[in-house]
Amino acid sequence: MSAMRDRVPVSAEMFSDEAVYRRTTLGQRELLRSGGTLSTPELRVLARVNGFTDLRCLVELAPTDVSGIAQAIRELISQKLIEMVRSSAN
């Protein structure tokens, strides 16, 4: 794991049930690109974030465990492929 990825701040709001994420422009390009470097869980999360669906719903839709989703979110944020739109604190 790179030093940049290690610097992603983890907060409770990042993983609150009400957290909503959207793809960045870079994330949209990555999703449309074939042969990317994302893992299957990361690609699934990237495909499902839309700026409207909260994390609770994403977890319910996911065929992976919650820790896999959390790791995917951390990785996608570190690569600037997704960003938080809102959470229960917003």
PDB file of N, CA and C in Angstrom:
ATOM      1  N   MET A   1       0.849  -1.178   0.000  1.00  0.00           N
ATOM      2  CA  MET A   1       0.000   0.000   0.000  1.00  0.00           C
ATOM      3  C   MET A   1       0.889   1.233   0.000  1.00  0.00           C
ATOM      4  N   SER A   2       0.564   2.205  -0.814  1.00  0.00           N
ATOM      5  CA  SER A   2       1.389   3.402  -0.921  1.00  0.00           C
ATOM      6  C   SER A   2       1.216   4.316   0.283  1.00  0.00           C
ATOM      7  N   ALA A   3       2.177   5.227   0.451  1.00  0.00           N
ATOM      8  CA  ALA A   3       2.090   6.187   1.553  1.00  0.00           C
ATOM      9  C   ALA A   3       0.877   7.073   1.399  1.00  0.00           C
ATOM     10  N   MET A   4       0.529   7.436   0.157  1.00  0.00           N
ATOM     11  CA  MET A   4      -0.651   8.280  -0.065  1.00  0.00           C
ATOM     12  C   MET A   4      -1.910   7.590   0.439  1.00  0.00           C
ATOM     13  N   ARG A   5      -2.014   6.324   0.175  1.00  0.00           N
ATOM     14  CA  ARG A   5      -3.198   5.586   0.609  1.00  0.00           C
ATOM     15  C   ARG A   5      -3.255   5.481   2.122  1.00  0.00           C
ATOM     16  N   ASP A   6      -2.099   5.399   2.755  1.00  0.00           N
ATOM     17  CA  ASP A   6      -2.068   5.321   4.209  1.00  0.00           C
ATOM     18  C   ASP A   6      -2.557   6.617   4.846  1.00  0.00           C
ATOM     19  N   ARG A   7      -2.537   7.723   4.116  1.00  0.00           N
ATOM     20  CA  ARG A   7      -2.929   9.018   4.668  1.00  0.00           C
ATOM     21  C   ARG A   7      -4.416   9.314   4.560  1.00  0.00           C
ATOM     22  N   VAL A   8      -5.195   8.418   3.987  1.00  0.00           N
ATOM     23  CA  VAL A   8      -6.632   8.665   3.886  1.00  0.00           C
ATOM     24  C   VAL A   8      -7.208   8.690   5.287  1.00  0.00           C
ATOM     25  N   PRO A   9      -7.754   9.837   5.705  1.00  0.00           N
ATOM     26  CA  PRO A   9      -8.317   9.905   7.058  1.00  0.00           C
ATOM     27  C   PRO A   9      -9.586   9.068   7.146  1.00  0.00           C
ATOM     28  N   VAL A  10      -9.679   8.292   8.191  1.00  0.00           N
ATOM     29  CA  VAL A  10     -10.862   7.466   8.403  1.00  0.00           C
ATOM     30  C   VAL A  10     -11.676   8.111   9.508  1.00  0.00           C
ATOM     31  N   SER A  11     -12.941   8.344   9.220  1.00  0.00           N
ATOM     32  CA  SER A  11     -13.810   8.940  10.226  1.00  0.00           C
ATOM     33  C   SER A  11     -15.093   8.124  10.315  1.00  0.00           C
ATOM     34  N   ALA A  12     -15.782   8.293  11.403  1.00  0.00           N
ATOM     35  CA  ALA A  12     -17.052   7.583  11.598  1.00  0.00           C
ATOM     36  C   ALA A  12     -18.053   7.962  10.523  1.00  0.00           C
ATOM     37  N   GLU A  13     -18.048   9.225  10.086  1.00  0.00           N
ATOM     38  CA  GLU A  13     -19.020   9.643   9.077  1.00  0.00           C
ATOM     39  C   GLU A  13     -18.771   8.972   7.732  1.00  0.00           C
ATOM     40  N   MET A  14     -17.522   8.572   7.450  1.00  0.00           N
ATOM     41  CA  MET A  14     -17.223   7.875   6.189  1.00  0.00           C
ATOM     42  C   MET A  14     -18.028   6.590   6.063  1.00  0.00           C
ATOM     43  N   PHE A  15     -18.296   5.960   7.195  1.00  0.00           N
ATOM     44  CA  PHE A  15     -18.951   4.658   7.172  1.00  0.00           C
ATOM     45  C   PHE A  15     -20.302   4.665   7.879  1.00  0.00           C
ATOM     46  N   SER A  16     -20.883   5.849   8.040  1.00  0.00           N
ATOM     47  CA  SER A  16     -22.225   5.899   8.619  1.00  0.00           C
ATOM     48  C   SER A  16     -23.217   5.349   7.598  1.00  0.00           C
ATOM     49  N   ASP A  17     -24.318   4.823   8.073  1.00  0.00           N
ATOM     50  CA  ASP A  17     -25.344   4.264   7.184  1.00  0.00           C
ATOM     51  C   ASP A  17     -25.840   5.286   6.175  1.00  0.00           C
ATOM     52  N   GLU A  18     -25.825   6.565   6.554  1.00  0.00           N
ATOM     53  CA  GLU A  18     -26.376   7.619   5.704  1.00  0.00           C
ATOM     54  C   GLU A  18     -25.348   8.236   4.761  1.00  0.00           C
ATOM     55  N   ALA A  19     -24.098   7.788   4.812  1.00  0.00           N
ATOM     56  CA  ALA A  19     -23.067   8.343   3.928  1.00  0.00           C
ATOM     57  C   ALA A  19     -23.430   8.063   2.475  1.00  0.00           C
ATOM     58  N   VAL A  20     -23.275   9.073   1.642  1.00  0.00           N
ATOM     59  CA  VAL A  20     -23.562   8.955   0.207  1.00  0.00           C
ATOM     60  C   VAL A  20     -22.304   9.350  -0.557  1.00  0.00           C
ATOM     61  N   TYR A  21     -21.944   8.538  -1.526  1.00  0.00           N
ATOM     62  CA  TYR A  21     -20.763   8.779  -2.344  1.00  0.00           C
ATOM     63  C   TYR A  21     -21.161   8.938  -3.801  1.00  0.00           C
ATOM     64  N   ARG A  22     -20.293   9.636  -4.542  1.00  0.00           N
ATOM     65  CA  ARG A  22     -20.465   9.742  -5.994  1.00  0.00           C
ATOM     66  C   ARG A  22     -19.106   9.528  -6.643  1.00  0.00           C
ATOM     67  N   ARG A  23     -19.175   9.131  -7.909  1.00  0.00           N
ATOM     68  CA  ARG A  23     -17.943   8.992  -8.673  1.00  0.00           C
ATOM     69  C   ARG A  23     -17.420  10.374  -9.040  1.00  0.00           C
ATOM     70  N   THR A  24     -16.126  10.530  -9.019  1.00  0.00           N
ATOM     71  CA  THR A  24     -15.498  11.734  -9.533  1.00  0.00           C
ATOM     72  C   THR A  24     -15.366  11.564 -11.047  1.00  0.00           C
ATOM     73  N   THR A  25     -14.925  12.591 -11.733  1.00  0.00           N
ATOM     74  CA  THR A  25     -14.686  12.480 -13.177  1.00  0.00           C
ATOM     75  C   THR A  25     -13.667  11.374 -13.445  1.00  0.00           C
ATOM     76  N   LEU A  26     -12.643  11.335 -12.617  1.00  0.00           N
ATOM     77  CA  LEU A  26     -11.638  10.282 -12.743  1.00  0.00           C
ATOM     78  C   LEU A  26     -12.259   8.902 -12.507  1.00  0.00           C
ATOM     79  N   GLY A  27     -13.157   8.817 -11.536  1.00  0.00           N
ATOM     80  CA  GLY A  27     -13.845   7.558 -11.258  1.00  0.00           C
ATOM     81  C   GLY A  27     -14.733   7.125 -12.409  1.00  0.00           C
ATOM     82  N   GLN A  28     -15.404   8.071 -13.034  1.00  0.00           N
ATOM     83  CA  GLN A  28     -16.242   7.756 -14.191  1.00  0.00           C
ATOM     84  C   GLN A  28     -15.385   7.203 -15.327  1.00  0.00           C
ATOM     85  N   ARG A  29     -14.241   7.839 -15.555  1.00  0.00           N
ATOM     86  CA  ARG A  29     -13.329   7.345 -16.608  1.00  0.00           C
ATOM     87  C   ARG A  29     -12.838   5.939 -16.289  1.00  0.00           C
ATOM     88  N   GLU A  30     -12.493   5.709 -15.022  1.00  0.00           N
ATOM     89  CA  GLU A  30     -12.003   4.387 -14.622  1.00  0.00           C
ATOM     90  C   GLU A  30     -13.077   3.320 -14.823  1.00  0.00           C
ATOM     91  N   LEU A  31     -14.304   3.657 -14.524  1.00  0.00           N
ATOM     92  CA  LEU A  31     -15.403   2.702 -14.681  1.00  0.00           C
ATOM     93  C   LEU A  31     -15.603   2.329 -16.149  1.00  0.00           C
ATOM     94  N   LEU A  32     -15.431   3.286 -17.039  1.00  0.00           N
ATOM     95  CA  LEU A  32     -15.643   3.042 -18.474  1.00  0.00           C
ATOM     96  C   LEU A  32     -14.444   2.406 -19.161  1.00  0.00           C
ATOM     97  N   ARG A  33     -13.302   2.460 -18.510  1.00  0.00           N
ATOM     98  CA  ARG A  33     -12.072   1.936 -19.086  1.00  0.00           C
ATOM     99  C   ARG A  33     -12.020   0.428 -18.905  1.00  0.00           C
ATOM    100  N   SER A  34     -11.673  -0.283 -19.947  1.00  0.00           N
ATOM    101  CA  SER A  34     -11.536  -1.733 -19.793  1.00  0.00           C
ATOM    102  C   SER A  34     -10.107  -2.057 -19.377  1.00  0.00           C
ATOM    103  N   GLY A  35      -9.957  -3.103 -18.618  1.00  0.00           N
ATOM    104  CA  GLY A  35      -8.634  -3.523 -18.193  1.00  0.00           C
ATOM    105  C   GLY A  35      -8.027  -2.676 -17.101  1.00  0.00           C
ATOM    106  N   GLY A  36      -8.865  -2.061 -16.277  1.00  0.00           N
ATOM    107  CA  GLY A  36      -8.363  -1.248 -15.168  1.00  0.00           C
ATOM    108  C   GLY A  36      -7.673  -2.089 -14.115  1.00  0.00           C
ATOM    109  N   THR A  37      -7.205  -1.438 -13.081  1.00  0.00           N
ATOM    110  CA  THR A  37      -6.435  -2.129 -12.041  1.00  0.00           C
ATOM    111  C   THR A  37      -7.228  -2.359 -10.764  1.00  0.00           C
ATOM    112  N   LEU A  38      -8.507  -2.053 -10.771  1.00  0.00           N
ATOM    113  CA  LEU A  38      -9.322  -2.197  -9.561  1.00  0.00           C
ATOM    114  C   LEU A  38      -9.642  -3.658  -9.276  1.00  0.00           C
ATOM    115  N   SER A  39      -9.752  -3.964  -7.997  1.00  0.00           N
ATOM    116  CA  SER A  39     -10.188  -5.300  -7.592  1.00  0.00           C
ATOM    117  C   SER A  39     -11.688  -5.433  -7.873  1.00  0.00           C
ATOM    118  N   THR A  40     -12.193  -6.640  -7.829  1.00  0.00           N
ATOM    119  CA  THR A  40     -13.620  -6.858  -8.065  1.00  0.00           C
ATOM    120  C   THR A  40     -14.487  -6.107  -7.055  1.00  0.00           C
ATOM    121  N   PRO A  41     -14.195  -6.157  -5.738  1.00  0.00           N
ATOM    122  CA  PRO A  41     -15.014  -5.380  -4.794  1.00  0.00           C
ATOM    123  C   PRO A  41     -14.947  -3.878  -5.064  1.00  0.00           C
ATOM    124  N   GLU A  42     -13.760  -3.365  -5.418  1.00  0.00           N
ATOM    125  CA  GLU A  42     -13.630  -1.939  -5.718  1.00  0.00           C
ATOM    126  C   GLU A  42     -14.441  -1.562  -6.945  1.00  0.00           C
ATOM    127  N   LEU A  43     -14.392  -2.376  -7.961  1.00  0.00           N
ATOM    128  CA  LEU A  43     -15.157  -2.118  -9.182  1.00  0.00           C
ATOM    129  C   LEU A  43     -16.661  -2.161  -8.917  1.00  0.00           C
ATOM    130  N   ARG A  44     -17.099  -3.106  -8.094  1.00  0.00           N
ATOM    131  CA  ARG A  44     -18.526  -3.194  -7.753  1.00  0.00           C
ATOM    132  C   ARG A  44     -18.991  -1.950  -7.005  1.00  0.00           C
ATOM    133  N   VAL A  45     -18.199  -1.495  -6.033  1.00  0.00           N
ATOM    134  CA  VAL A  45     -18.570  -0.289  -5.289  1.00  0.00           C
ATOM    135  C   VAL A  45     -18.565   0.912  -6.225  1.00  0.00           C
ATOM    136  N   LEU A  46     -17.535   1.038  -7.058  1.00  0.00           N
ATOM    137  CA  LEU A  46     -17.458   2.156  -7.991  1.00  0.00           C
ATOM    138  C   LEU A  46     -18.667   2.178  -8.931  1.00  0.00           C
ATOM    139  N   ALA A  47     -19.095   1.029  -9.370  1.00  0.00           N
ATOM    140  CA  ALA A  47     -20.246   0.954 -10.276  1.00  0.00           C
ATOM    141  C   ALA A  47     -21.549   1.321  -9.572  1.00  0.00           C
ATOM    142  N   ARG A  48     -21.638   1.091  -8.283  1.00  0.00           N
ATOM    143  CA  ARG A  48     -22.898   1.306  -7.562  1.00  0.00           C
ATOM    144  C   ARG A  48     -23.046   2.703  -6.966  1.00  0.00           C
ATOM    145  N   VAL A  49     -21.939   3.396  -6.706  1.00  0.00           N
ATOM    146  CA  VAL A  49     -22.094   4.736  -6.137  1.00  0.00           C
ATOM    147  C   VAL A  49     -22.648   5.669  -7.202  1.00  0.00           C
ATOM    148  N   ASN A  50     -23.619   6.507  -6.791  1.00  0.00           N
ATOM    149  CA  ASN A  50     -24.303   7.344  -7.777  1.00  0.00           C
ATOM    150  C   ASN A  50     -24.654   8.733  -7.253  1.00  0.00           C
ATOM    151  N   GLY A  51     -24.250   9.044  -6.055  1.00  0.00           N
ATOM    152  CA  GLY A  51     -24.557  10.353  -5.493  1.00  0.00           C
ATOM    153  C   GLY A  51     -25.906  10.422  -4.802  1.00  0.00           C
ATOM    154  N   PHE A  52     -26.653   9.324  -4.789  1.00  0.00           N
ATOM    155  CA  PHE A  52     -27.986   9.293  -4.192  1.00  0.00           C
ATOM    156  C   PHE A  52     -28.184   8.138  -3.218  1.00  0.00           C
ATOM    157  N   THR A  53     -27.606   6.982  -3.513  1.00  0.00           N
ATOM    158  CA  THR A  53     -27.807   5.776  -2.712  1.00  0.00           C
ATOM    159  C   THR A  53     -26.897   5.810  -1.488  1.00  0.00           C
ATOM    160  N   ASP A  54     -27.501   5.622  -0.308  1.00  0.00           N
ATOM    161  CA  ASP A  54     -26.685   5.677   0.904  1.00  0.00           C
ATOM    162  C   ASP A  54     -25.943   4.360   1.130  1.00  0.00           C
ATOM    163  N   LEU A  55     -24.969   4.417   2.013  1.00  0.00           N
ATOM    164  CA  LEU A  55     -24.102   3.275   2.274  1.00  0.00           C
ATOM    165  C   LEU A  55     -24.881   2.055   2.757  1.00  0.00           C
ATOM    166  N   ARG A  56     -25.923   2.272   3.537  1.00  0.00           N
ATOM    167  CA  ARG A  56     -26.746   1.150   4.011  1.00  0.00           C
ATOM    168  C   ARG A  56     -27.273   0.339   2.831  1.00  0.00           C
ATOM    169  N   CYS A  57     -27.794   1.018   1.824  1.00  0.00           N
ATOM    170  CA  CYS A  57     -28.325   0.322   0.637  1.00  0.00           C
ATOM    171  C   CYS A  57     -27.215  -0.352  -0.155  1.00  0.00           C
ATOM    172  N   LEU A  58     -26.062   0.303  -0.260  1.00  0.00           N
ATOM    173  CA  LEU A  58     -24.944  -0.311  -0.976  1.00  0.00           C
ATOM    174  C   LEU A  58     -24.506  -1.606  -0.309  1.00  0.00           C
ATOM    175  N   VAL A  59     -24.489  -1.607   1.016  1.00  0.00           N
ATOM    176  CA  VAL A  59     -24.113  -2.814   1.755  1.00  0.00           C
ATOM    177  C   VAL A  59     -25.133  -3.922   1.506  1.00  0.00           C
ATOM    178  N   GLU A  60     -26.414  -3.572   1.505  1.00  0.00           N
ATOM    179  CA  GLU A  60     -27.460  -4.571   1.266  1.00  0.00           C
ATOM    180  C   GLU A  60     -27.367  -5.172  -0.132  1.00  0.00           C
ATOM    181  N   LEU A  61     -26.918  -4.397  -1.105  1.00  0.00           N
ATOM    182  CA  LEU A  61     -26.809  -4.863  -2.489  1.00  0.00           C
ATOM    183  C   LEU A  61     -25.534  -5.650  -2.755  1.00  0.00           C
ATOM    184  N   ALA A  62     -24.556  -5.522  -1.895  1.00  0.00           N
ATOM    185  CA  ALA A  62     -23.226  -6.069  -2.158  1.00  0.00           C
ATOM    186  C   ALA A  62     -23.132  -7.553  -1.837  1.00  0.00           C
ATOM    187  N   PRO A  63     -22.477  -8.298  -2.718  1.00  0.00           N
ATOM    188  CA  PRO A  63     -22.269  -9.725  -2.452  1.00  0.00           C
ATOM    189  C   PRO A  63     -21.028  -9.988  -1.608  1.00  0.00           C
ATOM    190  N   THR A  64     -20.410  -8.945  -1.090  1.00  0.00           N
ATOM    191  CA  THR A  64     -19.201  -9.098  -0.277  1.00  0.00           C
ATOM    192  C   THR A  64     -19.493  -8.697   1.165  1.00  0.00           C
ATOM    193  N   ASP A  65     -18.554  -8.935   2.026  1.00  0.00           N
ATOM    194  CA  ASP A  65     -18.750  -8.585   3.435  1.00  0.00           C
ATOM    195  C   ASP A  65     -18.539  -7.086   3.645  1.00  0.00           C
ATOM    196  N   VAL A  66     -18.992  -6.588   4.770  1.00  0.00           N
ATOM    197  CA  VAL A  66     -18.919  -5.159   5.083  1.00  0.00           C
ATOM    198  C   VAL A  66     -17.473  -4.678   5.118  1.00  0.00           C
ATOM    199  N   SER A  67     -16.566  -5.475   5.654  1.00  0.00           N
ATOM    200  CA  SER A  67     -15.165  -5.046   5.708  1.00  0.00           C
ATOM    201  C   SER A  67     -14.583  -4.908   4.303  1.00  0.00           C
ATOM    202  N   GLY A  68     -15.040  -5.736   3.369  1.00  0.00           N
ATOM    203  CA  GLY A  68     -14.596  -5.620   1.979  1.00  0.00           C
ATOM    204  C   GLY A  68     -15.080  -4.328   1.352  1.00  0.00           C
ATOM    205  N   ILE A  69     -16.290  -3.923   1.678  1.00  0.00           N
ATOM    206  CA  ILE A  69     -16.832  -2.662   1.177  1.00  0.00           C
ATOM    207  C   ILE A  69     -16.074  -1.488   1.783  1.00  0.00           C
ATOM    208  N   ALA A  70     -15.805  -1.561   3.076  1.00  0.00           N
ATOM    209  CA  ALA A  70     -15.058  -0.490   3.739  1.00  0.00           C
ATOM    210  C   ALA A  70     -13.679  -0.339   3.117  1.00  0.00           C
ATOM    211  N   GLN A  71     -13.000  -1.444   2.877  1.00  0.00           N
ATOM    212  CA  GLN A  71     -11.676  -1.388   2.256  1.00  0.00           C
ATOM    213  C   GLN A  71     -11.774  -0.815   0.846  1.00  0.00           C
ATOM    214  N   ALA A  72     -12.786  -1.211   0.100  1.00  0.00           N
ATOM    215  CA  ALA A  72     -12.969  -0.691  -1.263  1.00  0.00           C
ATOM    216  C   ALA A  72     -13.204   0.817  -1.235  1.00  0.00           C
ATOM    217  N   ILE A  73     -14.022   1.283  -0.305  1.00  0.00           N
ATOM    218  CA  ILE A  73     -14.289   2.721  -0.194  1.00  0.00           C
ATOM    219  C   ILE A  73     -13.005   3.473   0.136  1.00  0.00           C
ATOM    220  N   ARG A  74     -12.242   2.975   1.085  1.00  0.00           N
ATOM    221  CA  ARG A  74     -10.961   3.621   1.425  1.00  0.00           C
ATOM    222  C   ARG A  74     -10.053   3.717   0.205  1.00  0.00           C
ATOM    223  N   GLU A  75      -9.967   2.617  -0.528  1.00  0.00           N
ATOM    224  CA  GLU A  75      -9.089   2.577  -1.703  1.00  0.00           C
ATOM    225  C   GLU A  75      -9.581   3.528  -2.801  1.00  0.00           C
ATOM    226  N   LEU A  76     -10.881   3.538  -3.048  1.00  0.00           N
ATOM    227  CA  LEU A  76     -11.438   4.415  -4.087  1.00  0.00           C
ATOM    228  C   LEU A  76     -11.265   5.887  -3.722  1.00  0.00           C
ATOM    229  N   ILE A  77     -11.405   6.210  -2.439  1.00  0.00           N
ATOM    230  CA  ILE A  77     -11.174   7.591  -1.988  1.00  0.00           C
ATOM    231  C   ILE A  77      -9.701   7.945  -2.168  1.00  0.00           C
ATOM    232  N   SER A  78      -8.824   7.036  -1.791  1.00  0.00           N
ATOM    233  CA  SER A  78      -7.389   7.323  -1.888  1.00  0.00           C
ATOM    234  C   SER A  78      -6.959   7.552  -3.339  1.00  0.00           C
ATOM    235  N   GLN A  79      -7.637   6.899  -4.270  1.00  0.00           N
ATOM    236  CA  GLN A  79      -7.323   7.074  -5.691  1.00  0.00           C
ATOM    237  C   GLN A  79      -8.129   8.223  -6.316  1.00  0.00           C
ATOM    238  N   LYS A  80      -8.922   8.899  -5.480  1.00  0.00           N
ATOM    239  CA  LYS A  80      -9.762  10.029  -5.922  1.00  0.00           C
ATOM    240  C   LYS A  80     -10.769   9.614  -6.994  1.00  0.00           C
ATOM    241  N   LEU A  81     -11.291   8.385  -6.852  1.00  0.00           N
ATOM    242  CA  LEU A  81     -12.295   7.873  -7.781  1.00  0.00           C
ATOM    243  C   LEU A  81     -13.711   8.115  -7.274  1.00  0.00           C
ATOM    244  N   ILE A  82     -13.863   8.264  -5.952  1.00  0.00           N
ATOM    245  CA  ILE A  82     -15.157   8.618  -5.368  1.00  0.00           C
ATOM    246  C   ILE A  82     -14.941   9.702  -4.319  1.00  0.00           C
ATOM    247  N   GLU A  83     -16.030  10.384  -3.996  1.00  0.00           N
ATOM    248  CA  GLU A  83     -16.002  11.401  -2.940  1.00  0.00           C
ATOM    249  C   GLU A  83     -17.330  11.375  -2.214  1.00  0.00           C
ATOM    250  N   MET A  84     -17.300  11.783  -0.945  1.00  0.00           N
ATOM    251  CA  MET A  84     -18.521  11.805  -0.152  1.00  0.00           C
ATOM    252  C   MET A  84     -19.361  13.019  -0.551  1.00  0.00           C
ATOM    253  N   VAL A  85     -20.646  12.783  -0.762  1.00  0.00           N
ATOM    254  CA  VAL A  85     -21.582  13.851  -1.071  1.00  0.00           C
ATOM    255  C   VAL A  85     -22.189  14.387   0.224  1.00  0.00           C
ATOM    256  N   ARG A  86     -22.613  13.445   1.074  1.00  0.00           N
ATOM    257  CA  ARG A  86     -23.215  13.842   2.348  1.00  0.00           C
ATOM    258  C   ARG A  86     -23.181  12.660   3.308  1.00  0.00           C
ATOM    259  N   SER A  87     -23.401  12.978   4.560  1.00  0.00           N
ATOM    260  CA  SER A  87     -23.534  11.942   5.580  1.00  0.00           C
ATOM    261  C   SER A  87     -24.550  12.452   6.594  1.00  0.00           C
ATOM    262  N   SER A  88     -24.765  11.690   7.636  1.00  0.00           N
ATOM    263  CA  SER A  88     -25.724  12.104   8.657  1.00  0.00           C
ATOM    264  C   SER A  88     -25.287  13.412   9.315  1.00  0.00           C
ATOM    265  N   ALA A  89     -23.985  13.697   9.253  1.00  0.00           N
ATOM    266  CA  ALA A  89     -23.480  14.935   9.858  1.00  0.00           C
ATOM    267  C   ALA A  89     -23.694  16.156   8.966  1.00  0.00           C
ATOM    268  N   ASN A  90     -23.991  15.923   7.675  1.00  0.00           N
ATOM    269  CA  ASN A  90     -24.153  17.048   6.739  1.00  0.00           C
ATOM    270  C   ASN A  90     -25.559  17.581   6.718  1.00  0.00           C
TER     271      ASN A  90
END
